[in-house]
Amino acid sequence: MIDHFDPLMVDWARAQFALTAMYHWIFVPLTLGLSFLCAFFETIYVRTKNEDWKRLTRFWMKLFGINFAIGVATGIILEFEFGTNWSNYSWMVGDIFGAPLAIEGIVAFFLEATFFAVMFFGWDRVSKRFHLVSTWMVAIGSNLSALWILVANAWMQHPTGMKFNPDAARFEMQNVMEVILSPVAISKFTHTTSSSFLLASLFVISVSCWYLLKKRHVLLAKRSITVAAMFGLIAALFTAGTGDEAAYSVAKYQPMKLAAFEGLWHGEKGAGIVAAGIPNPDKKPGDSKEAFSFEVRIPGLLSILAKRSASAYVPGVNDLVFGNPDHGIVGAEQRIELGKKAITALAEYKKAQKNKDTAGMETALAAFDQYREHLGYGYLSDPAEAVPPVAISFYSFHIMVILGTFFIFLCIAFLAGALKGKLEDLTVLQLAGVTAFFLALIASQAGWVVAEVGRQPWTIQDLLPVSVARSNLTADTVKTTFFMFLGLFTLLLLAEIRIMTTQIGKGPEED
């Protein structure tokens, strides 16, 4: 299956996928949230018959359309990269991973496409109510697209509803509902969409605050902030709640990721959360170096987050690398040995199958079934490889949490200002609002860094490391396309910024 192993190629392939995903994720959350805000604005217009709300709706809808188009372009390239750079992965999990993506394309995308034209070009061609329904259908369709993509990603974090077929060397679907309704899929969808709603709300607030600072389109700005602050506050609170549930799922199914983003090297009862700290970048599994050069810890909170008990034991990196028999933890060190036995048994099974040795096949298959859950670890050469980059995971997680908390108070401040009718007088709040969207982008990107970097070295958690999932390409080939995509995506981003700022500069009067 694998002709050679070029670690440099794997690094470049990972960098290219990260580049594409992070550019793509600039556009996606804004699409998910802005679609619903447009639906809210148009609903108010239809109910009040106030033309100012129609102008407001069309203005934000135009910004949504610009963002939607460029987001689709980057998303298409992202899916193609599975086949070009990760062909072994595509072969081994195509039966499972491809199903949600196919549903996304057939159902959700067609739902969007059907009503998208009506939403943008049907203002004077269909009734108000049918146009409103079309806007809502685009919003629902956009978020259904996210559902299926996030189900596929969640399966990579927590593989379920499948079985490995030793004859074909593929993971095959056994129960599609287990895949769709896995706790990781549910928490990932709710957390991702709610954080996207928050980001879009802050985008509307940022643009509206810029108008207030410039003393332009004051009525549009105040009305937009009122709706966006209310939607944003609900989304921010929901994001915090779903984030807690997502962390609980991580603790259950990906304990190494939890240990990494909390910088927890030694497991402990009543483990605390590090509210602020500077992790030691030289810290390695099993050494005696300090984990932090500075830290502020809240006692017991991590145990509550991970186990729902203040006195519960939370395993650290060292437990998960070397094992901890006292707490029933089998470490990566032991799992590598068991994984190598699974690989050996699989090879013996294939050999017996080739020789038509039925008894040998049964013996080898029985041995493989005994060790199959450790299969992926057999491809690791060092237990330390099972540890993701701790510092990156730690900083990303804490940036996301700190900014998420700040956004709750920011939305409350804007909602209070809107209800008191004093938004145009609060210059400091307006300045904070202008920066809010850019801070939201940082928080959103940090969330995906936690999810994906914290999962390393796995493409599929515990089953398929990135070293096996790759294609047999040279590092130079992937490097070339990396810089090609870097240039292309940067041009697309600059084009979006230029078009968006031009449209914002014109304002609703230019419709």
Protein backbone atom coordinates (compact mmCIF):
# COMPACT_ATOMS: atom_id res chain seq x y z
CA MET A 1 0.00 0.00 0.00
CA ILE A 2 2.89 2.38 0.77
CA ASP A 3 5.90 2.45 -1.53
CA HIS A 4 8.07 4.82 0.49
CA PHE A 5 7.82 7.23 3.37
CA ASP A 6 8.92 10.82 2.91
CA PRO A 7 8.30 12.75 6.15
CA LEU A 8 8.96 16.04 4.37
CA MET A 9 6.15 15.25 1.91
CA VAL A 10 3.79 14.60 4.83
CA ASP A 11 4.72 17.94 6.41
CA TRP A 12 4.08 19.82 3.17
CA ALA A 13 0.81 17.95 2.56
CA ARG A 14 -0.36 18.83 6.06
CA ALA A 15 0.70 22.45 5.55
CA GLN A 16 -1.18 22.62 2.26
CA PHE A 17 -4.34 21.17 3.77
CA ALA A 18 -4.07 23.53 6.75
CA LEU A 19 -3.57 26.48 4.39
CA THR A 20 -6.65 25.57 2.35
CA ALA A 21 -8.80 24.83 5.38
CA MET A 22 -7.88 28.05 7.18
CA TYR A 23 -8.54 30.21 4.13
CA HIS A 24 -11.81 28.36 3.55
CA TRP A 25 -12.79 28.88 7.18
CA ILE A 26 -12.51 32.64 6.79
CA PHE A 27 -15.61 32.53 4.59
CA VAL A 28 -17.67 29.62 5.93
CA PRO A 29 -18.70 30.89 9.40
CA LEU A 30 -19.68 34.25 7.96
CA THR A 31 -21.87 32.45 5.40
CA LEU A 32 -23.55 30.28 8.05
CA GLY A 33 -24.41 33.15 10.36
CA LEU A 34 -25.09 35.95 7.88
CA SER A 35 -27.64 33.79 6.05
CA PHE A 36 -29.77 33.63 9.20
CA LEU A 37 -29.31 37.32 9.95
CA CYS A 38 -30.56 38.14 6.44
CA ALA A 39 -33.57 35.90 7.13
CA PHE A 40 -34.24 37.74 10.41
CA PHE A 41 -33.96 41.15 8.73
CA GLU A 42 -36.30 40.15 5.91
CA THR A 43 -38.80 38.64 8.34
CA ILE A 44 -38.99 42.01 10.12
CA TYR A 45 -39.48 43.72 6.74
CA VAL A 46 -42.33 41.40 5.72
CA ARG A 47 -44.06 41.81 9.09
CA THR A 48 -43.65 45.61 9.32
CA LYS A 49 -43.79 46.45 5.57
CA ASN A 50 -41.19 49.13 6.36
CA GLU A 51 -39.04 49.78 3.27
CA ASP A 52 -36.06 50.73 5.44
CA TRP A 53 -35.87 47.11 6.58
CA LYS A 54 -35.97 45.98 2.95
CA ARG A 55 -33.02 48.22 2.08
CA LEU A 56 -31.19 46.98 5.15
CA THR A 57 -31.88 43.35 4.20
CA ARG A 58 -30.68 43.80 0.62
CA PHE A 59 -27.49 45.46 1.82
CA TRP A 60 -26.49 42.60 4.13
CA MET A 61 -27.66 40.07 1.56
CA LYS A 62 -25.27 41.49 -0.99
CA LEU A 63 -22.35 41.07 1.42
CA PHE A 64 -23.53 37.53 2.11
CA GLY A 65 -23.54 36.75 -1.64
CA ILE A 66 -19.98 37.99 -2.15
CA ASN A 67 -18.71 35.88 0.73
CA PHE A 68 -20.72 32.82 -0.31
CA ALA A 69 -19.24 32.71 -3.82
CA ILE A 70 -15.61 32.80 -2.70
CA GLY A 71 -16.26 30.30 0.09
CA VAL A 72 -17.56 27.76 -2.42
CA ALA A 73 -14.41 28.12 -4.55
CA THR A 74 -12.04 27.37 -1.66
CA GLY A 75 -14.24 24.49 -0.46
CA ILE A 76 -14.07 22.69 -3.80
CA ILE A 77 -10.26 22.76 -3.75
CA LEU A 78 -10.27 21.44 -0.18
CA GLU A 79 -12.22 18.32 -1.17
CA PHE A 80 -9.96 17.64 -4.16
CA GLU A 81 -6.93 17.56 -1.85
CA PHE A 82 -8.20 14.37 -0.24
CA GLY A 83 -7.63 12.59 -3.53
CA THR A 84 -4.36 14.26 -4.49
CA ASN A 85 -2.38 14.37 -1.23
CA TRP A 86 -4.21 11.78 0.88
CA SER A 87 -5.08 9.01 -1.55
CA ASN A 88 -4.45 6.18 0.94
CA TYR A 89 -6.88 7.87 3.31
CA SER A 90 -9.44 8.27 0.52
CA TRP A 91 -9.14 4.60 -0.37
CA MET A 92 -9.32 3.31 3.21
CA VAL A 93 -12.25 5.43 4.42
CA GLY A 94 -14.04 6.46 1.23
CA ASP A 95 -16.96 4.16 2.07
CA ILE A 96 -17.63 6.18 5.24
CA PHE A 97 -16.15 9.63 4.73
CA GLY A 98 -17.58 9.96 1.23
CA ALA A 99 -21.19 9.30 2.29
CA PRO A 100 -21.77 12.53 4.30
CA LEU A 101 -20.00 14.58 1.61
CA ALA A 102 -22.21 13.01 -1.07
CA ILE A 103 -25.34 13.79 0.96
CA GLU A 104 -24.07 17.34 1.44
CA GLY A 105 -23.67 17.77 -2.31
CA ILE A 106 -26.95 16.12 -3.31
CA VAL A 107 -29.31 17.43 -0.64
CA ALA A 108 -27.99 20.53 1.11
CA PHE A 109 -26.14 22.15 -1.79
CA PHE A 110 -29.06 21.66 -4.17
CA LEU A 111 -31.38 23.15 -1.56
CA GLU A 112 -29.16 26.23 -1.43
CA ALA A 113 -28.79 26.44 -5.20
CA THR A 114 -32.55 26.11 -5.82
CA PHE A 115 -33.47 29.09 -3.70
CA PHE A 116 -30.29 31.14 -4.05
CA ALA A 117 -31.36 32.71 -7.37
CA VAL A 118 -34.80 33.58 -6.00
CA MET A 119 -33.21 35.13 -2.92
CA PHE A 120 -30.99 37.45 -4.97
CA PHE A 121 -32.96 38.11 -8.16
CA GLY A 122 -36.55 37.50 -7.16
CA TRP A 123 -37.35 40.65 -5.20
CA ASP A 124 -39.73 42.04 -7.83
CA ARG A 125 -40.57 38.71 -9.49
CA VAL A 126 -42.12 36.67 -6.67
CA SER A 127 -44.34 37.48 -3.71
CA LYS A 128 -42.86 38.82 -0.50
CA ARG A 129 -43.69 35.64 1.39
CA PHE A 130 -42.20 33.31 -1.22
CA HIS A 131 -39.05 35.43 -1.29
CA LEU A 132 -38.87 35.23 2.49
CA VAL A 133 -39.25 31.44 2.33
CA SER A 134 -36.40 31.34 -0.21
CA THR A 135 -34.15 33.32 2.11
CA TRP A 136 -34.89 30.97 4.98
CA MET A 137 -34.26 27.94 2.73
CA VAL A 138 -30.83 29.30 1.78
CA ALA A 139 -30.01 29.77 5.47
CA ILE A 140 -31.19 26.28 6.35
CA GLY A 141 -29.43 24.78 3.31
CA SER A 142 -26.14 26.48 4.18
CA ASN A 143 -26.21 25.05 7.67
CA LEU A 144 -27.26 21.60 6.43
CA SER A 145 -24.14 21.66 4.25
CA ALA A 146 -22.12 22.33 7.37
CA LEU A 147 -23.89 19.47 9.16
CA TRP A 148 -22.72 16.79 6.73
CA ILE A 149 -19.18 18.13 6.49
CA LEU A 150 -18.93 18.28 10.27
CA VAL A 151 -20.32 14.74 10.58
CA ALA A 152 -17.47 13.59 8.32
CA ASN A 153 -14.91 15.50 10.38
CA ALA A 154 -16.38 14.22 13.66
CA TRP A 155 -16.01 10.66 12.43
CA MET A 156 -12.29 11.29 11.98
CA GLN A 157 -12.16 12.46 15.60
CA HIS A 158 -14.24 9.54 16.90
CA PRO A 159 -14.58 6.69 14.38
CA THR A 160 -17.79 4.76 14.97
CA GLY A 161 -20.41 2.84 13.03
CA MET A 162 -17.80 1.03 10.94
CA LYS A 163 -15.61 -2.05 10.75
CA PHE A 164 -12.20 -2.70 9.23
CA ASN A 165 -12.33 -5.16 6.32
CA PRO A 166 -9.00 -7.08 6.25
CA ASP A 167 -9.69 -8.40 2.74
CA ALA A 168 -9.92 -4.94 1.18
CA ALA A 169 -7.84 -3.06 3.81
CA ARG A 170 -10.68 -0.55 4.13
CA PHE A 171 -12.92 0.81 6.84
CA GLU A 172 -16.51 0.10 5.81
CA MET A 173 -19.81 1.54 6.99
CA GLN A 174 -21.86 -0.65 9.32
CA ASN A 175 -24.35 1.79 10.83
CA VAL A 176 -24.86 5.19 9.24
CA MET A 177 -26.96 6.48 12.16
CA GLU A 178 -24.09 5.84 14.57
CA VAL A 179 -21.92 8.01 12.34
CA ILE A 180 -24.48 10.83 12.09
CA LEU A 181 -25.62 10.77 15.73
CA SER A 182 -22.31 10.17 17.46
CA PRO A 183 -21.87 12.50 20.47
CA VAL A 184 -18.81 14.04 18.84
CA ALA A 185 -20.76 14.85 15.67
CA ILE A 186 -23.58 16.47 17.64
CA SER A 187 -21.28 18.57 19.82
CA LYS A 188 -19.11 19.55 16.85
CA PHE A 189 -22.09 20.69 14.76
CA THR A 190 -23.77 22.67 17.53
CA HIS A 191 -20.53 24.29 18.67
CA THR A 192 -19.33 25.15 15.17
CA THR A 193 -22.63 26.60 13.96
CA SER A 194 -23.29 28.60 17.13
CA SER A 195 -19.78 30.08 17.02
CA SER A 196 -20.38 30.91 13.34
CA PHE A 197 -23.61 32.71 14.25
CA LEU A 198 -21.62 34.70 16.80
CA LEU A 199 -18.93 35.58 14.27
CA ALA A 200 -21.50 36.79 11.72
CA SER A 201 -23.25 38.86 14.40
CA LEU A 202 -19.94 40.52 15.24
CA PHE A 203 -19.35 41.19 11.54
CA VAL A 204 -22.65 43.06 11.36
CA ILE A 205 -21.78 44.92 14.57
CA SER A 206 -18.31 45.84 13.25
CA VAL A 207 -19.60 47.28 9.99
CA SER A 208 -22.44 49.08 11.77
CA CYS A 209 -20.07 50.59 14.34
CA TRP A 210 -17.91 51.89 11.50
CA TYR A 211 -20.99 53.63 10.12
CA LEU A 212 -21.75 55.13 13.54
CA LEU A 213 -18.19 56.43 13.88
CA LYS A 214 -18.50 58.00 10.41
CA LYS A 215 -21.99 59.35 11.20
CA ARG A 216 -23.36 57.54 8.15
CA HIS A 217 -26.40 55.29 7.75
CA VAL A 218 -27.11 55.73 11.45
CA LEU A 219 -30.61 54.19 11.29
CA LEU A 220 -29.34 51.11 9.44
CA ALA A 221 -26.46 50.75 11.87
CA LYS A 222 -28.59 51.01 15.01
CA ARG A 223 -31.20 48.56 13.75
CA SER A 224 -28.56 46.13 12.55
CA ILE A 225 -26.72 46.25 15.87
CA THR A 226 -29.92 45.63 17.82
CA VAL A 227 -30.76 42.45 15.92
CA ALA A 228 -27.13 41.28 15.68
CA ALA A 229 -26.42 41.89 19.38
CA MET A 230 -29.47 39.90 20.41
CA PHE A 231 -28.63 37.04 18.02
CA GLY A 232 -24.97 37.27 18.97
CA LEU A 233 -25.64 37.08 22.71
CA ILE A 234 -27.80 33.97 22.31
CA ALA A 235 -25.15 32.45 20.03
CA ALA A 236 -22.32 33.35 22.43
CA LEU A 237 -24.05 31.72 25.40
CA PHE A 238 -24.90 28.67 23.31
CA THR A 239 -21.30 28.51 22.08
CA ALA A 240 -20.08 28.43 25.67
CA GLY A 241 -22.50 25.62 26.54
CA THR A 242 -21.72 23.55 23.46
CA GLY A 243 -18.02 24.20 23.99
CA ASP A 244 -18.29 22.63 27.42
CA GLU A 245 -20.02 19.59 25.91
CA ALA A 246 -17.38 19.40 23.16
CA ALA A 247 -14.61 19.41 25.76
CA TYR A 248 -16.40 16.61 27.64
CA SER A 249 -16.49 14.56 24.42
CA VAL A 250 -12.79 15.26 23.84
CA ALA A 251 -11.98 14.06 27.35
CA LYS A 252 -13.88 10.84 26.71
CA TYR A 253 -12.71 10.01 23.18
CA GLN A 254 -9.48 12.01 22.72
CA PRO A 255 -7.85 12.33 26.15
CA MET A 256 -4.46 13.16 24.63
CA LYS A 257 -5.97 16.22 22.94
CA LEU A 258 -7.44 17.38 26.26
CA ALA A 259 -4.09 16.90 28.01
CA ALA A 260 -2.36 18.86 25.23
CA PHE A 261 -4.63 21.90 25.17
CA GLU A 262 -4.53 22.11 28.97
CA GLY A 263 -0.79 21.44 29.19
CA LEU A 264 -1.45 18.59 31.63
CA TRP A 265 1.64 16.35 31.68
CA HIS A 266 0.98 14.45 34.89
CA GLY A 267 -2.49 13.09 35.56
CA GLU A 268 -4.12 14.11 38.82
CA LYS A 269 -7.29 13.99 40.84
CA GLY A 270 -9.10 17.28 41.13
CA ALA A 271 -7.15 18.61 38.14
CA GLY A 272 -7.30 22.34 37.67
CA ILE A 273 -7.69 24.44 34.54
CA VAL A 274 -4.87 26.79 33.62
CA ALA A 275 -6.57 30.18 33.30
CA ALA A 276 -3.34 31.74 32.02
CA GLY A 277 0.14 30.39 31.53
CA ILE A 278 3.28 30.04 29.44
CA PRO A 279 4.01 26.37 28.62
CA ASN A 280 7.60 25.18 28.47
CA PRO A 281 8.33 24.46 24.76
CA ASP A 282 11.21 22.12 25.68
CA LYS A 283 9.07 19.83 27.81
CA LYS A 284 9.08 16.21 26.56
CA PRO A 285 7.24 13.05 27.72
CA GLY A 286 8.93 11.45 30.71
CA ASP A 287 11.40 14.24 31.52
CA SER A 288 11.54 16.19 34.76
CA LYS A 289 11.27 19.69 33.31
CA GLU A 290 8.60 22.06 34.55
CA ALA A 291 5.47 22.15 32.37
CA PHE A 292 5.03 25.93 32.70
CA SER A 293 7.30 28.85 33.31
CA PHE A 294 4.23 30.72 34.58
CA GLU A 295 0.67 29.60 35.28
CA VAL A 296 -2.54 30.61 37.04
CA ARG A 297 -4.60 27.52 37.78
CA ILE A 298 -8.22 27.16 38.93
CA PRO A 299 -8.33 24.01 41.13
CA GLY A 300 -10.73 21.18 40.29
CA LEU A 301 -12.26 22.80 37.23
CA LEU A 302 -10.63 20.52 34.65
CA SER A 303 -11.93 17.44 36.46
CA ILE A 304 -15.42 18.93 36.37
CA LEU A 305 -15.05 19.75 32.69
CA ALA A 306 -13.69 16.32 31.73
CA LYS A 307 -15.43 13.96 34.16
CA ARG A 308 -18.24 16.00 35.73
CA SER A 309 -16.67 15.47 39.14
CA ALA A 310 -14.34 17.79 41.03
CA SER A 311 -12.37 14.87 42.46
CA ALA A 312 -12.10 12.77 39.29
CA TYR A 313 -8.73 11.66 37.89
CA VAL A 314 -7.76 13.28 34.58
CA PRO A 315 -4.90 11.54 32.72
CA GLY A 316 -1.95 13.61 31.59
CA VAL A 317 0.38 13.27 28.62
CA ASN A 318 2.76 10.95 30.48
CA ASP A 319 -0.08 8.63 31.51
CA LEU A 320 -1.24 8.37 27.93
CA VAL A 321 2.29 7.81 26.59
CA PHE A 322 3.66 5.35 29.16
CA GLY A 323 0.43 4.01 30.67
CA ASN A 324 -0.92 4.06 34.19
CA PRO A 325 -2.07 0.63 35.46
CA ASP A 326 -3.47 2.12 38.66
CA HIS A 327 -6.08 3.95 36.61
CA GLY A 328 -6.49 1.34 33.87
CA ILE A 329 -4.73 3.42 31.23
CA VAL A 330 -2.89 1.61 28.43
CA GLY A 331 -0.25 4.00 27.10
CA ALA A 332 1.01 4.57 23.57
CA GLU A 333 4.17 2.66 24.45
CA GLN A 334 2.16 -0.52 25.05
CA ARG A 335 -0.27 0.16 22.21
CA ILE A 336 2.57 0.41 19.69
CA GLU A 337 3.59 -3.15 20.55
CA LEU A 338 0.01 -4.36 20.29
CA GLY A 339 -0.41 -2.46 17.02
CA LYS A 340 2.64 -4.15 15.53
CA LYS A 341 1.07 -7.49 16.40
CA ALA A 342 -2.08 -6.39 14.54
CA ILE A 343 -0.01 -5.45 11.47
CA THR A 344 1.86 -8.76 11.60
CA ALA A 345 -1.39 -10.72 11.93
CA LEU A 346 -2.88 -8.81 8.99
CA ALA A 347 0.16 -9.58 6.85
CA GLU A 348 -0.06 -13.26 7.80
CA TYR A 349 -3.75 -13.25 6.95
CA LYS A 350 -3.06 -11.82 3.47
CA LYS A 351 -0.26 -14.34 2.94
CA ALA A 352 -2.49 -17.26 3.97
CA GLN A 353 -5.25 -15.90 1.76
CA LYS A 354 -2.88 -15.78 -1.21
CA ASN A 355 -1.81 -19.38 -0.52
CA LYS A 356 -5.47 -20.43 -0.01
CA ASP A 357 -4.59 -21.63 3.49
CA THR A 358 -7.99 -21.57 5.19
CA ALA A 359 -6.72 -22.65 8.61
CA GLY A 360 -3.93 -20.08 8.49
CA MET A 361 -6.42 -17.38 7.53
CA GLU A 362 -8.64 -18.21 10.51
CA THR A 363 -5.71 -18.20 12.93
CA ALA A 364 -4.32 -14.93 11.60
CA LEU A 365 -7.75 -13.27 11.56
CA ALA A 366 -8.37 -14.29 15.17
CA ALA A 367 -5.04 -12.74 16.16
CA PHE A 368 -5.85 -9.59 14.20
CA ASP A 369 -9.27 -9.24 15.86
CA GLN A 370 -7.53 -9.41 19.24
CA TYR A 371 -5.33 -6.40 18.44
CA ARG A 372 -7.32 -4.52 15.78
CA GLU A 373 -8.18 -1.54 18.02
CA HIS A 374 -4.46 -0.79 18.30
CA LEU A 375 -3.77 -1.09 14.55
CA GLY A 376 -2.85 2.56 13.97
CA TYR A 377 -0.30 2.62 16.78
CA GLY A 378 1.68 -0.08 15.00
CA TYR A 379 2.77 2.49 12.44
CA LEU A 380 4.31 4.77 15.09
CA SER A 381 8.01 4.29 15.76
CA ASP A 382 8.22 6.26 19.01
CA PRO A 383 5.57 6.69 21.78
CA ALA A 384 6.32 10.43 21.81
CA GLU A 385 4.84 10.60 18.28
CA ALA A 386 1.42 10.16 19.88
CA VAL A 387 1.75 13.59 21.54
CA PRO A 388 0.42 16.57 19.53
CA PRO A 389 2.18 19.95 19.64
CA VAL A 390 1.33 20.99 23.20
CA ALA A 391 2.18 24.69 23.04
CA ILE A 392 0.15 25.31 19.85
CA SER A 393 -2.82 23.39 21.25
CA PHE A 394 -2.60 25.21 24.59
CA TYR A 395 -2.41 28.74 23.19
CA SER A 396 -5.12 28.10 20.58
CA PHE A 397 -7.54 26.73 23.13
CA HIS A 398 -7.01 29.52 25.61
CA ILE A 399 -7.23 32.27 22.98
CA MET A 400 -10.55 30.79 21.84
CA VAL A 401 -11.95 30.60 25.38
CA ILE A 402 -10.78 34.07 26.45
CA LEU A 403 -12.17 35.75 23.33
CA GLY A 404 -15.41 33.76 23.56
CA THR A 405 -15.95 35.02 27.10
CA PHE A 406 -15.18 38.58 26.04
CA PHE A 407 -17.78 38.38 23.24
CA ILE A 408 -20.53 37.54 25.72
CA PHE A 409 -19.94 40.77 27.63
CA LEU A 410 -19.51 42.74 24.39
CA CYS A 411 -22.89 41.59 23.08
CA ILE A 412 -24.50 42.45 26.41
CA ALA A 413 -23.00 45.95 26.23
CA PHE A 414 -24.29 46.52 22.70
CA LEU A 415 -27.73 45.18 23.53
CA ALA A 416 -27.93 47.43 26.59
CA GLY A 417 -26.82 50.42 24.53
CA ALA A 418 -29.38 49.63 21.83
CA LEU A 419 -32.23 49.24 24.32
CA LYS A 420 -31.33 52.58 25.93
CA GLY A 421 -31.09 54.27 22.51
CA LYS A 422 -27.55 55.54 23.16
CA LEU A 423 -25.49 53.58 20.62
CA GLU A 424 -24.45 56.67 18.67
CA ASP A 425 -23.06 58.27 21.85
CA LEU A 426 -20.86 55.34 22.97
CA THR A 427 -17.65 56.01 21.05
CA VAL A 428 -15.48 53.59 23.06
CA LEU A 429 -18.02 50.80 22.51
CA GLN A 430 -18.12 51.63 18.80
CA LEU A 431 -14.33 51.33 18.58
CA ALA A 432 -14.50 47.98 20.36
CA GLY A 433 -17.22 46.91 17.95
CA VAL A 434 -15.11 47.73 14.88
CA THR A 435 -12.40 45.32 16.07
CA ALA A 436 -14.85 42.62 17.19
CA PHE A 437 -15.11 40.84 13.85
CA PHE A 438 -11.34 40.52 13.49
CA LEU A 439 -11.08 39.11 17.00
CA ALA A 440 -13.87 36.68 16.13
CA LEU A 441 -11.89 35.48 13.10
CA ILE A 442 -8.91 34.79 15.38
CA ALA A 443 -11.09 32.86 17.83
CA SER A 444 -12.71 30.87 15.04
CA GLN A 445 -9.39 29.90 13.48
CA ALA A 446 -7.99 29.03 16.90
CA GLY A 447 -10.89 26.64 17.46
CA TRP A 448 -10.02 24.70 14.33
CA VAL A 449 -6.34 24.64 15.27
CA VAL A 450 -7.33 23.03 18.57
CA ALA A 451 -9.51 20.47 16.79
CA GLU A 452 -7.01 19.49 14.10
CA VAL A 453 -3.56 20.07 15.59
CA GLY A 454 -4.70 18.53 18.86
CA ARG A 455 -5.65 15.35 16.98
CA GLN A 456 -2.16 14.77 15.58
CA PRO A 457 -0.58 12.41 14.64
CA TRP A 458 -3.90 10.91 13.59
CA THR A 459 -5.91 11.30 10.43
CA ILE A 460 -8.45 8.95 12.02
CA GLN A 461 -8.14 8.94 15.78
CA ASP A 462 -6.09 5.92 16.97
CA LEU A 463 -6.59 4.07 13.67
CA LEU A 464 -4.78 5.84 10.84
CA PRO A 465 -1.74 8.12 11.31
CA VAL A 466 -0.95 10.78 8.72
CA SER A 467 2.18 8.89 7.68
CA VAL A 468 -0.06 6.10 6.32
CA ALA A 469 -2.89 8.30 4.99
CA ARG A 470 -0.72 10.20 2.50
CA SER A 471 -0.25 9.80 -1.24
CA ASN A 472 3.01 8.62 -2.78
CA LEU A 473 4.11 12.03 -4.00
CA THR A 474 7.40 13.86 -3.69
CA ALA A 475 7.81 16.75 -1.28
CA ASP A 476 8.72 19.07 -4.19
CA THR A 477 5.42 18.32 -5.93
CA VAL A 478 3.36 19.21 -2.89
CA LYS A 479 5.55 22.21 -2.14
CA THR A 480 4.90 23.59 -5.63
CA THR A 481 1.13 23.30 -5.28
CA PHE A 482 1.34 24.75 -1.76
CA PHE A 483 2.74 28.02 -3.08
CA MET A 484 0.34 27.97 -6.03
CA PHE A 485 -2.61 27.72 -3.65
CA LEU A 486 -1.08 30.30 -1.33
CA GLY A 487 -1.00 32.78 -4.20
CA LEU A 488 -4.48 31.85 -5.44
CA PHE A 489 -6.14 32.01 -2.03
CA THR A 490 -4.42 35.28 -1.17
CA LEU A 491 -5.72 36.79 -4.41
CA LEU A 492 -9.22 35.52 -3.63
CA LEU A 493 -9.04 36.97 -0.13
CA LEU A 494 -7.79 40.32 -1.41
CA ALA A 495 -10.57 40.31 -4.02
CA GLU A 496 -13.16 39.61 -1.32
CA ILE A 497 -11.78 42.38 0.90
CA ARG A 498 -11.77 44.83 -2.00
CA ILE A 499 -15.32 43.99 -3.10
CA MET A 500 -16.63 43.93 0.45
CA THR A 501 -15.06 47.24 1.45
CA THR A 502 -16.28 48.86 -1.76
CA GLN A 503 -19.81 47.68 -1.09
CA ILE A 504 -19.64 48.73 2.55
CA GLY A 505 -18.33 52.11 1.47
CA LYS A 506 -21.31 52.58 -0.86
CA GLY A 507 -23.83 51.52 1.74
CA PRO A 508 -27.50 50.65 1.20
CA GLU A 509 -28.31 53.79 -0.80
CA GLU A 510 -26.51 52.33 -3.82
CA ASP A 511 -28.90 49.35 -4.12
